[in-house]
Amino acid sequence: MLNQFLKFDKLIGAKLITILYYLGLIGIVLGLIAGVLSGLGTMVSYSFFGGIGLVIASLIGAVVGLLFWRFVCELYMLLFRMADDLRDIKVAKTPPAL
């Protein structure tokens, strides 16, 4: 296992991107929760309409954030899949050793 890690024969980027994707989702959801709670606090303390605006802005921001985060992670996955496909093409075109 250490030999595979040191030789770069197999890329671990796809697994790493998946883990980072889920961590990003958790961060976006936590940001949404914080924004909604802040909006609710603003409704009670300062301005009802300001709080509603903050809750709506938090929801819209979370949706846009989720779409953007998915797009970025898909771009990175695309790069790793292209590398895998190029490696397969290289192996298929390599002539057999004599």
PDB file of N, CA and C in Angstrom:
ATOM      1  N   MET A   1       0.815  -1.185   0.000  1.00  0.00           N
ATOM      2  CA  MET A   1       0.000   0.000   0.000  1.00  0.00           C
ATOM      3  C   MET A   1       0.869   1.263   0.000  1.00  0.00           C
ATOM      4  N   LEU A   2       1.933   1.245   0.773  1.00  0.00           N
ATOM      5  CA  LEU A   2       2.851   2.380   0.796  1.00  0.00           C
ATOM      6  C   LEU A   2       3.540   2.537  -0.546  1.00  0.00           C
ATOM      7  N   ASN A   3       3.826   1.412  -1.205  1.00  0.00           N
ATOM      8  CA  ASN A   3       4.456   1.453  -2.522  1.00  0.00           C
ATOM      9  C   ASN A   3       3.538   2.138  -3.540  1.00  0.00           C
ATOM     10  N   GLN A   4       2.242   1.850  -3.510  1.00  0.00           N
ATOM     11  CA  GLN A   4       1.295   2.506  -4.410  1.00  0.00           C
ATOM     12  C   GLN A   4       1.204   3.996  -4.109  1.00  0.00           C
ATOM     13  N   PHE A   5       1.294   4.342  -2.849  1.00  0.00           N
ATOM     14  CA  PHE A   5       1.211   5.745  -2.452  1.00  0.00           C
ATOM     15  C   PHE A   5       2.424   6.529  -2.937  1.00  0.00           C
ATOM     16  N   LEU A   6       3.582   5.904  -2.929  1.00  0.00           N
ATOM     17  CA  LEU A   6       4.813   6.598  -3.307  1.00  0.00           C
ATOM     18  C   LEU A   6       5.057   6.625  -4.808  1.00  0.00           C
ATOM     19  N   LYS A   7       4.504   5.688  -5.567  1.00  0.00           N
ATOM     20  CA  LYS A   7       4.790   5.593  -6.999  1.00  0.00           C
ATOM     21  C   LYS A   7       3.828   6.372  -7.886  1.00  0.00           C
ATOM     22  N   PHE A   8       2.732   6.826  -7.397  1.00  0.00           N
ATOM     23  CA  PHE A   8       1.730   7.559  -8.180  1.00  0.00           C
ATOM     24  C   PHE A   8       1.182   6.727  -9.340  1.00  0.00           C
ATOM     25  N   ASP A   9       1.144   5.411  -9.207  1.00  0.00           N
ATOM     26  CA  ASP A   9       0.550   4.563 -10.238  1.00  0.00           C
ATOM     27  C   ASP A   9      -0.970   4.705 -10.255  1.00  0.00           C
ATOM     28  N   LYS A  10      -1.546   4.842  -9.101  1.00  0.00           N
ATOM     29  CA  LYS A  10      -2.992   5.010  -8.998  1.00  0.00           C
ATOM     30  C   LYS A  10      -3.268   6.333  -8.292  1.00  0.00           C
ATOM     31  N   LEU A  11      -4.139   7.130  -8.913  1.00  0.00           N
ATOM     32  CA  LEU A  11      -4.448   8.434  -8.350  1.00  0.00           C
ATOM     33  C   LEU A  11      -5.505   8.313  -7.255  1.00  0.00           C
ATOM     34  N   ILE A  12      -5.281   9.010  -6.152  1.00  0.00           N
ATOM     35  CA  ILE A  12      -6.248   8.992  -5.053  1.00  0.00           C
ATOM     36  C   ILE A  12      -7.121  10.244  -5.084  1.00  0.00           C
ATOM     37  N   GLY A  13      -6.960  11.039  -6.107  1.00  0.00           N
ATOM     38  CA  GLY A  13      -7.681  12.306  -6.201  1.00  0.00           C
ATOM     39  C   GLY A  13      -9.179  12.150  -6.232  1.00  0.00           C
ATOM     40  N   ALA A  14      -9.687  11.136  -6.916  1.00  0.00           N
ATOM     41  CA  ALA A  14     -11.138  10.955  -7.007  1.00  0.00           C
ATOM     42  C   ALA A  14     -11.738  10.705  -5.629  1.00  0.00           C
ATOM     43  N   LYS A  15     -11.085   9.894  -4.838  1.00  0.00           N
ATOM     44  CA  LYS A  15     -11.577   9.634  -3.478  1.00  0.00           C
ATOM     45  C   LYS A  15     -11.455  10.892  -2.620  1.00  0.00           C
ATOM     46  N   LEU A  16     -10.368  11.604  -2.805  1.00  0.00           N
ATOM     47  CA  LEU A  16     -10.164  12.825  -2.035  1.00  0.00           C
ATOM     48  C   LEU A  16     -11.188  13.890  -2.401  1.00  0.00           C
ATOM     49  N   ILE A  17     -11.506  14.012  -3.680  1.00  0.00           N
ATOM     50  CA  ILE A  17     -12.505  14.977  -4.124  1.00  0.00           C
ATOM     51  C   ILE A  17     -13.871  14.623  -3.535  1.00  0.00           C
ATOM     52  N   THR A  18     -14.192  13.352  -3.466  1.00  0.00           N
ATOM     53  CA  THR A  18     -15.469  12.925  -2.884  1.00  0.00           C
ATOM     54  C   THR A  18     -15.547  13.324  -1.413  1.00  0.00           C
ATOM     55  N   ILE A  19     -14.469  13.112  -0.683  1.00  0.00           N
ATOM     56  CA  ILE A  19     -14.435  13.489   0.736  1.00  0.00           C
ATOM     57  C   ILE A  19     -14.564  15.005   0.877  1.00  0.00           C
ATOM     58  N   LEU A  20     -13.828  15.750   0.059  1.00  0.00           N
ATOM     59  CA  LEU A  20     -13.902  17.210   0.116  1.00  0.00           C
ATOM     60  C   LEU A  20     -15.290  17.714  -0.274  1.00  0.00           C
ATOM     61  N   TYR A  21     -15.946  17.027  -1.202  1.00  0.00           N
ATOM     62  CA  TYR A  21     -17.304  17.399  -1.600  1.00  0.00           C
ATOM     63  C   TYR A  21     -18.252  17.306  -0.404  1.00  0.00           C
ATOM     64  N   TYR A  22     -18.180  16.204   0.318  1.00  0.00           N
ATOM     65  CA  TYR A  22     -19.068  16.040   1.465  1.00  0.00           C
ATOM     66  C   TYR A  22     -18.727  17.020   2.582  1.00  0.00           C
ATOM     67  N   LEU A  23     -17.440  17.304   2.776  1.00  0.00           N
ATOM     68  CA  LEU A  23     -17.060  18.309   3.769  1.00  0.00           C
ATOM     69  C   LEU A  23     -17.596  19.690   3.370  1.00  0.00           C
ATOM     70  N   GLY A  24     -17.540  19.999   2.083  1.00  0.00           N
ATOM     71  CA  GLY A  24     -18.093  21.260   1.597  1.00  0.00           C
ATOM     72  C   GLY A  24     -19.595  21.338   1.796  1.00  0.00           C
ATOM     73  N   LEU A  25     -20.278  20.223   1.557  1.00  0.00           N
ATOM     74  CA  LEU A  25     -21.730  20.192   1.792  1.00  0.00           C
ATOM     75  C   LEU A  25     -22.048  20.461   3.256  1.00  0.00           C
ATOM     76  N   ILE A  26     -21.275  19.868   4.139  1.00  0.00           N
ATOM     77  CA  ILE A  26     -21.488  20.100   5.568  1.00  0.00           C
ATOM     78  C   ILE A  26     -21.270  21.573   5.898  1.00  0.00           C
ATOM     79  N   GLY A  27     -20.219  22.168   5.315  1.00  0.00           N
ATOM     80  CA  GLY A  27     -19.955  23.588   5.554  1.00  0.00           C
ATOM     81  C   GLY A  27     -21.069  24.480   5.032  1.00  0.00           C
ATOM     82  N   ILE A  28     -21.596  24.163   3.867  1.00  0.00           N
ATOM     83  CA  ILE A  28     -22.692  24.961   3.299  1.00  0.00           C
ATOM     84  C   ILE A  28     -23.946  24.836   4.159  1.00  0.00           C
ATOM     85  N   VAL A  29     -24.244  23.636   4.620  1.00  0.00           N
ATOM     86  CA  VAL A  29     -25.426  23.446   5.475  1.00  0.00           C
ATOM     87  C   VAL A  29     -25.249  24.177   6.806  1.00  0.00           C
ATOM     88  N   LEU A  30     -24.039  24.133   7.372  1.00  0.00           N
ATOM     89  CA  LEU A  30     -23.800  24.863   8.618  1.00  0.00           C
ATOM     90  C   LEU A  30     -23.930  26.367   8.401  1.00  0.00           C
ATOM     91  N   GLY A  31     -23.458  26.849   7.251  1.00  0.00           N
ATOM     92  CA  GLY A  31     -23.629  28.262   6.925  1.00  0.00           C
ATOM     93  C   GLY A  31     -25.088  28.632   6.767  1.00  0.00           C
ATOM     94  N   LEU A  32     -25.865  27.744   6.164  1.00  0.00           N
ATOM     95  CA  LEU A  32     -27.306  27.973   6.020  1.00  0.00           C
ATOM     96  C   LEU A  32     -27.978  28.044   7.383  1.00  0.00           C
ATOM     97  N   ILE A  33     -27.640  27.117   8.248  1.00  0.00           N
ATOM     98  CA  ILE A  33     -28.229  27.118   9.596  1.00  0.00           C
ATOM     99  C   ILE A  33     -27.862  28.397  10.339  1.00  0.00           C
ATOM    100  N   ALA A  34     -26.611  28.811  10.244  1.00  0.00           N
ATOM    101  CA  ALA A  34     -26.191  30.047  10.910  1.00  0.00           C
ATOM    102  C   ALA A  34     -26.921  31.250  10.337  1.00  0.00           C
ATOM    103  N   GLY A  35     -27.088  31.285   9.019  1.00  0.00           N
ATOM    104  CA  GLY A  35     -27.795  32.400   8.398  1.00  0.00           C
ATOM    105  C   GLY A  35     -29.258  32.456   8.794  1.00  0.00           C
ATOM    106  N   VAL A  36     -29.901  31.309   8.845  1.00  0.00           N
ATOM    107  CA  VAL A  36     -31.322  31.265   9.227  1.00  0.00           C
ATOM    108  C   VAL A  36     -31.481  31.668  10.692  1.00  0.00           C
ATOM    109  N   LEU A  37     -30.609  31.145  11.555  1.00  0.00           N
ATOM    110  CA  LEU A  37     -30.701  31.522  12.971  1.00  0.00           C
ATOM    111  C   LEU A  37     -30.419  33.008  13.171  1.00  0.00           C
ATOM    112  N   SER A  38     -29.471  33.532  12.400  1.00  0.00           N
ATOM    113  CA  SER A  38     -29.195  34.964  12.472  1.00  0.00           C
ATOM    114  C   SER A  38     -30.392  35.776  11.987  1.00  0.00           C
ATOM    115  N   GLY A  39     -31.040  35.301  10.937  1.00  0.00           N
ATOM    116  CA  GLY A  39     -32.244  35.974  10.445  1.00  0.00           C
ATOM    117  C   GLY A  39     -33.365  35.937  11.453  1.00  0.00           C
ATOM    118  N   LEU A  40     -33.534  34.803  12.111  1.00  0.00           N
ATOM    119  CA  LEU A  40     -34.566  34.705  13.145  1.00  0.00           C
ATOM    120  C   LEU A  40     -34.263  35.638  14.313  1.00  0.00           C
ATOM    121  N   GLY A  41     -32.992  35.731  14.684  1.00  0.00           N
ATOM    122  CA  GLY A  41     -32.600  36.655  15.743  1.00  0.00           C
ATOM    123  C   GLY A  41     -32.817  38.098  15.341  1.00  0.00           C
ATOM    124  N   THR A  42     -32.558  38.400  14.092  1.00  0.00           N
ATOM    125  CA  THR A  42     -32.791  39.758  13.597  1.00  0.00           C
ATOM    126  C   THR A  42     -34.277  40.082  13.594  1.00  0.00           C
ATOM    127  N   MET A  43     -35.111  39.096  13.266  1.00  0.00           N
ATOM    128  CA  MET A  43     -36.560  39.319  13.284  1.00  0.00           C
ATOM    129  C   MET A  43     -37.046  39.681  14.678  1.00  0.00           C
ATOM    130  N   VAL A  44     -36.504  39.026  15.666  1.00  0.00           N
ATOM    131  CA  VAL A  44     -36.946  39.253  17.041  1.00  0.00           C
ATOM    132  C   VAL A  44     -36.364  40.557  17.590  1.00  0.00           C
ATOM    133  N   SER A  45     -35.089  40.821  17.318  1.00  0.00           N
ATOM    134  CA  SER A  45     -34.402  41.933  17.965  1.00  0.00           C
ATOM    135  C   SER A  45     -34.545  43.262  17.244  1.00  0.00           C
ATOM    136  N   TYR A  46     -34.370  43.272  15.927  1.00  0.00           N
ATOM    137  CA  TYR A  46     -34.250  44.536  15.211  1.00  0.00           C
ATOM    138  C   TYR A  46     -35.414  44.801  14.258  1.00  0.00           C
ATOM    139  N   SER A  47     -35.463  44.024  13.190  1.00  0.00           N
ATOM    140  CA  SER A  47     -36.423  44.311  12.136  1.00  0.00           C
ATOM    141  C   SER A  47     -36.992  43.003  11.602  1.00  0.00           C
ATOM    142  N   PHE A  48     -38.290  42.915  11.578  1.00  0.00           N
ATOM    143  CA  PHE A  48     -38.931  41.699  11.077  1.00  0.00           C
ATOM    144  C   PHE A  48     -38.600  41.474   9.603  1.00  0.00           C
ATOM    145  N   PHE A  49     -38.745  42.517   8.784  1.00  0.00           N
ATOM    146  CA  PHE A  49     -38.493  42.367   7.351  1.00  0.00           C
ATOM    147  C   PHE A  49     -37.008  42.168   7.047  1.00  0.00           C
ATOM    148  N   GLY A  50     -36.149  42.772   7.849  1.00  0.00           N
ATOM    149  CA  GLY A  50     -34.713  42.530   7.692  1.00  0.00           C
ATOM    150  C   GLY A  50     -34.361  41.084   7.985  1.00  0.00           C
ATOM    151  N   GLY A  51     -35.010  40.527   8.998  1.00  0.00           N
ATOM    152  CA  GLY A  51     -34.786  39.120   9.328  1.00  0.00           C
ATOM    153  C   GLY A  51     -35.297  38.191   8.249  1.00  0.00           C
ATOM    154  N   ILE A  52     -36.466  38.501   7.695  1.00  0.00           N
ATOM    155  CA  ILE A  52     -37.011  37.698   6.590  1.00  0.00           C
ATOM    156  C   ILE A  52     -36.067  37.758   5.394  1.00  0.00           C
ATOM    157  N   GLY A  53     -35.563  38.961   5.130  1.00  0.00           N
ATOM    158  CA  GLY A  53     -34.609  39.119   4.021  1.00  0.00           C
ATOM    159  C   GLY A  53     -33.356  38.299   4.238  1.00  0.00           C
ATOM    160  N   LEU A  54     -32.861  38.268   5.482  1.00  0.00           N
ATOM    161  CA  LEU A  54     -31.666  37.484   5.787  1.00  0.00           C
ATOM    162  C   LEU A  54     -31.927  35.988   5.651  1.00  0.00           C
ATOM    163  N   VAL A  55     -33.092  35.531   6.066  1.00  0.00           N
ATOM    164  CA  VAL A  55     -33.433  34.106   5.915  1.00  0.00           C
ATOM    165  C   VAL A  55     -33.525  33.741   4.436  1.00  0.00           C
ATOM    166  N   ILE A  56     -34.188  34.579   3.649  1.00  0.00           N
ATOM    167  CA  ILE A  56     -34.315  34.302   2.211  1.00  0.00           C
ATOM    168  C   ILE A  56     -32.947  34.353   1.530  1.00  0.00           C
ATOM    169  N   ALA A  57     -32.131  35.348   1.908  1.00  0.00           N
ATOM    170  CA  ALA A  57     -30.789  35.446   1.327  1.00  0.00           C
ATOM    171  C   ALA A  57     -29.943  34.232   1.703  1.00  0.00           C
ATOM    172  N   SER A  58     -30.096  33.730   2.910  1.00  0.00           N
ATOM    173  CA  SER A  58     -29.360  32.533   3.337  1.00  0.00           C
ATOM    174  C   SER A  58     -29.773  31.321   2.520  1.00  0.00           C
ATOM    175  N   LEU A  59     -31.068  31.177   2.280  1.00  0.00           N
ATOM    176  CA  LEU A  59     -31.551  30.051   1.478  1.00  0.00           C
ATOM    177  C   LEU A  59     -31.047  30.133   0.038  1.00  0.00           C
ATOM    178  N   ILE A  60     -31.136  31.328  -0.542  1.00  0.00           N
ATOM    179  CA  ILE A  60     -30.656  31.499  -1.924  1.00  0.00           C
ATOM    180  C   ILE A  60     -29.149  31.278  -1.988  1.00  0.00           C
ATOM    181  N   GLY A  61     -28.433  31.813  -1.005  1.00  0.00           N
ATOM    182  CA  GLY A  61     -26.984  31.622  -0.967  1.00  0.00           C
ATOM    183  C   GLY A  61     -26.590  30.156  -0.837  1.00  0.00           C
ATOM    184  N   ALA A  62     -27.333  29.409  -0.046  1.00  0.00           N
ATOM    185  CA  ALA A  62     -27.042  27.983   0.116  1.00  0.00           C
ATOM    186  C   ALA A  62     -27.280  27.224  -1.190  1.00  0.00           C
ATOM    187  N   VAL A  63     -28.370  27.543  -1.883  1.00  0.00           N
ATOM    188  CA  VAL A  63     -28.662  26.865  -3.153  1.00  0.00           C
ATOM    189  C   VAL A  63     -27.578  27.183  -4.186  1.00  0.00           C
ATOM    190  N   VAL A  64     -27.214  28.465  -4.292  1.00  0.00           N
ATOM    191  CA  VAL A  64     -26.164  28.856  -5.239  1.00  0.00           C
ATOM    192  C   VAL A  64     -24.833  28.231  -4.835  1.00  0.00           C
ATOM    193  N   GLY A  65     -24.560  28.220  -3.537  1.00  0.00           N
ATOM    194  CA  GLY A  65     -23.327  27.605  -3.048  1.00  0.00           C
ATOM    195  C   GLY A  65     -23.265  26.114  -3.354  1.00  0.00           C
ATOM    196  N   LEU A  66     -24.378  25.417  -3.175  1.00  0.00           N
ATOM    197  CA  LEU A  66     -24.421  23.986  -3.487  1.00  0.00           C
ATOM    198  C   LEU A  66     -24.182  23.725  -4.967  1.00  0.00           C
ATOM    199  N   LEU A  67     -24.817  24.527  -5.820  1.00  0.00           N
ATOM    200  CA  LEU A  67     -24.617  24.359  -7.265  1.00  0.00           C
ATOM    201  C   LEU A  67     -23.172  24.641  -7.662  1.00  0.00           C
ATOM    202  N   PHE A  68     -22.616  25.720  -7.136  1.00  0.00           N
ATOM    203  CA  PHE A  68     -21.241  26.077  -7.468  1.00  0.00           C
ATOM    204  C   PHE A  68     -20.259  25.025  -6.955  1.00  0.00           C
ATOM    205  N   TRP A  69     -20.465  24.554  -5.712  1.00  0.00           N
ATOM    206  CA  TRP A  69     -19.564  23.563  -5.138  1.00  0.00           C
ATOM    207  C   TRP A  69     -19.615  22.250  -5.931  1.00  0.00           C
ATOM    208  N   ARG A  70     -20.808  21.866  -6.355  1.00  0.00           N
ATOM    209  CA  ARG A  70     -20.947  20.657  -7.170  1.00  0.00           C
ATOM    210  C   ARG A  70     -20.210  20.823  -8.497  1.00  0.00           C
ATOM    211  N   PHE A  71     -20.359  21.999  -9.117  1.00  0.00           N
ATOM    212  CA  PHE A  71     -19.702  22.270 -10.392  1.00  0.00           C
ATOM    213  C   PHE A  71     -18.186  22.211 -10.247  1.00  0.00           C
ATOM    214  N   VAL A  72     -17.650  22.817  -9.206  1.00  0.00           N
ATOM    215  CA  VAL A  72     -16.201  22.817  -8.995  1.00  0.00           C
ATOM    216  C   VAL A  72     -15.692  21.392  -8.770  1.00  0.00           C
ATOM    217  N   CYS A  73     -16.387  20.638  -7.957  1.00  0.00           N
ATOM    218  CA  CYS A  73     -15.953  19.257  -7.700  1.00  0.00           C
ATOM    219  C   CYS A  73     -16.056  18.402  -8.959  1.00  0.00           C
ATOM    220  N   GLU A  74     -17.073  18.626  -9.774  1.00  0.00           N
ATOM    221  CA  GLU A  74     -17.180  17.886 -11.034  1.00  0.00           C
ATOM    222  C   GLU A  74     -16.030  18.237 -11.980  1.00  0.00           C
ATOM    223  N   LEU A  75     -15.599  19.489 -11.985  1.00  0.00           N
ATOM    224  CA  LEU A  75     -14.452  19.860 -12.820  1.00  0.00           C
ATOM    225  C   LEU A  75     -13.193  19.111 -12.385  1.00  0.00           C
ATOM    226  N   TYR A  76     -12.969  19.043 -11.086  1.00  0.00           N
ATOM    227  CA  TYR A  76     -11.806  18.301 -10.602  1.00  0.00           C
ATOM    228  C   TYR A  76     -11.923  16.807 -10.913  1.00  0.00           C
ATOM    229  N   MET A  77     -13.118  16.258 -10.760  1.00  0.00           N
ATOM    230  CA  MET A  77     -13.314  14.841 -11.100  1.00  0.00           C
ATOM    231  C   MET A  77     -13.059  14.615 -12.584  1.00  0.00           C
ATOM    232  N   LEU A  78     -13.480  15.554 -13.411  1.00  0.00           N
ATOM    233  CA  LEU A  78     -13.251  15.462 -14.849  1.00  0.00           C
ATOM    234  C   LEU A  78     -11.765  15.399 -15.154  1.00  0.00           C
ATOM    235  N   LEU A  79     -10.974  16.197 -14.477  1.00  0.00           N
ATOM    236  CA  LEU A  79      -9.528  16.175 -14.696  1.00  0.00           C
ATOM    237  C   LEU A  79      -8.932  14.812 -14.330  1.00  0.00           C
ATOM    238  N   PHE A  80      -9.369  14.249 -13.227  1.00  0.00           N
ATOM    239  CA  PHE A  80      -8.844  12.947 -12.828  1.00  0.00           C
ATOM    240  C   PHE A  80      -9.307  11.839 -13.780  1.00  0.00           C
ATOM    241  N   ARG A  81     -10.535  11.928 -14.268  1.00  0.00           N
ATOM    242  CA  ARG A  81     -11.002  10.924 -15.224  1.00  0.00           C
ATOM    243  C   ARG A  81     -10.283  11.046 -16.559  1.00  0.00           C
ATOM    244  N   MET A  82      -9.975  12.268 -16.957  1.00  0.00           N
ATOM    245  CA  MET A  82      -9.200  12.450 -18.187  1.00  0.00           C
ATOM    246  C   MET A  82      -7.820  11.824 -18.031  1.00  0.00           C
ATOM    247  N   ALA A  83      -7.220  11.993 -16.873  1.00  0.00           N
ATOM    248  CA  ALA A  83      -5.907  11.385 -16.633  1.00  0.00           C
ATOM    249  C   ALA A  83      -6.001   9.863 -16.692  1.00  0.00           C
ATOM    250  N   ASP A  84      -7.053   9.293 -16.119  1.00  0.00           N
ATOM    251  CA  ASP A  84      -7.235   7.844 -16.185  1.00  0.00           C
ATOM    252  C   ASP A  84      -7.438   7.375 -17.629  1.00  0.00           C
ATOM    253  N   ASP A  85      -8.242   8.106 -18.391  1.00  0.00           N
ATOM    254  CA  ASP A  85      -8.477   7.729 -19.792  1.00  0.00           C
ATOM    255  C   ASP A  85      -7.203   7.838 -20.619  1.00  0.00           C
ATOM    256  N   LEU A  86      -6.426   8.873 -20.393  1.00  0.00           N
ATOM    257  CA  LEU A  86      -5.156   9.007 -21.116  1.00  0.00           C
ATOM    258  C   LEU A  86      -4.188   7.887 -20.754  1.00  0.00           C
ATOM    259  N   ARG A  87      -4.195   7.477 -19.496  1.00  0.00           N
ATOM    260  CA  ARG A  87      -3.339   6.361 -19.086  1.00  0.00           C
ATOM    261  C   ARG A  87      -3.776   5.076 -19.786  1.00  0.00           C
ATOM    262  N   ASP A  88      -5.097   4.860 -19.908  1.00  0.00           N
ATOM    263  CA  ASP A  88      -5.616   3.674 -20.603  1.00  0.00           C
ATOM    264  C   ASP A  88      -5.243   3.703 -22.081  1.00  0.00           C
ATOM    265  N   ILE A  89      -5.325   4.867 -22.708  1.00  0.00           N
ATOM    266  CA  ILE A  89      -4.947   4.990 -24.102  1.00  0.00           C
ATOM    267  C   ILE A  89      -3.469   4.705 -24.290  1.00  0.00           C
ATOM    268  N   LYS A  90      -2.660   5.206 -23.394  1.00  0.00           N
ATOM    269  CA  LYS A  90      -1.215   4.983 -23.471  1.00  0.00           C
ATOM    270  C   LYS A  90      -0.887   3.504 -23.317  1.00  0.00           C
ATOM    271  N   VAL A  91      -1.546   2.845 -22.403  1.00  0.00           N
ATOM    272  CA  VAL A  91      -1.309   1.412 -22.207  1.00  0.00           C
ATOM    273  C   VAL A  91      -1.771   0.623 -23.425  1.00  0.00           C
ATOM    274  N   ALA A  92      -2.888   1.008 -24.027  1.00  0.00           N
ATOM    275  CA  ALA A  92      -3.419   0.281 -25.189  1.00  0.00           C
ATOM    276  C   ALA A  92      -2.542   0.473 -26.413  1.00  0.00           C
ATOM    277  N   LYS A  93      -1.891   1.604 -26.570  1.00  0.00           N
ATOM    278  CA  LYS A  93      -1.081   1.876 -27.741  1.00  0.00           C
ATOM    279  C   LYS A  93       0.383   1.480 -27.584  1.00  0.00           C
ATOM    280  N   THR A  94       0.785   1.113 -26.391  1.00  0.00           N
ATOM    281  CA  THR A  94       2.168   0.712 -26.173  1.00  0.00           C
ATOM    282  C   THR A  94       2.408  -0.634 -26.841  1.00  0.00           C
ATOM    283  N   PRO A  95       3.412  -0.701 -27.720  1.00  0.00           N
ATOM    284  CA  PRO A  95       3.692  -1.983 -28.378  1.00  0.00           C
ATOM    285  C   PRO A  95       4.280  -2.982 -27.369  1.00  0.00           C
ATOM    286  N   PRO A  96       4.026  -4.230 -27.605  1.00  0.00           N
ATOM    287  CA  PRO A  96       4.568  -5.244 -26.673  1.00  0.00           C
ATOM    288  C   PRO A  96       6.086  -5.272 -26.742  1.00  0.00           C
ATOM    289  N   ALA A  97       6.702  -5.567 -25.614  1.00  0.00           N
ATOM    290  CA  ALA A  97       8.169  -5.640 -25.543  1.00  0.00           C
ATOM    291  C   ALA A  97       8.659  -6.907 -26.220  1.00  0.00           C
ATOM    292  N   LEU A  98       9.782  -6.790 -26.887  1.00  0.00           N
ATOM    293  CA  LEU A  98      10.352  -7.962 -27.566  1.00  0.00           C
ATOM    294  C   LEU A  98      11.277  -8.705 -26.708  1.00  0.00           C
TER     295      LEU A  98
END
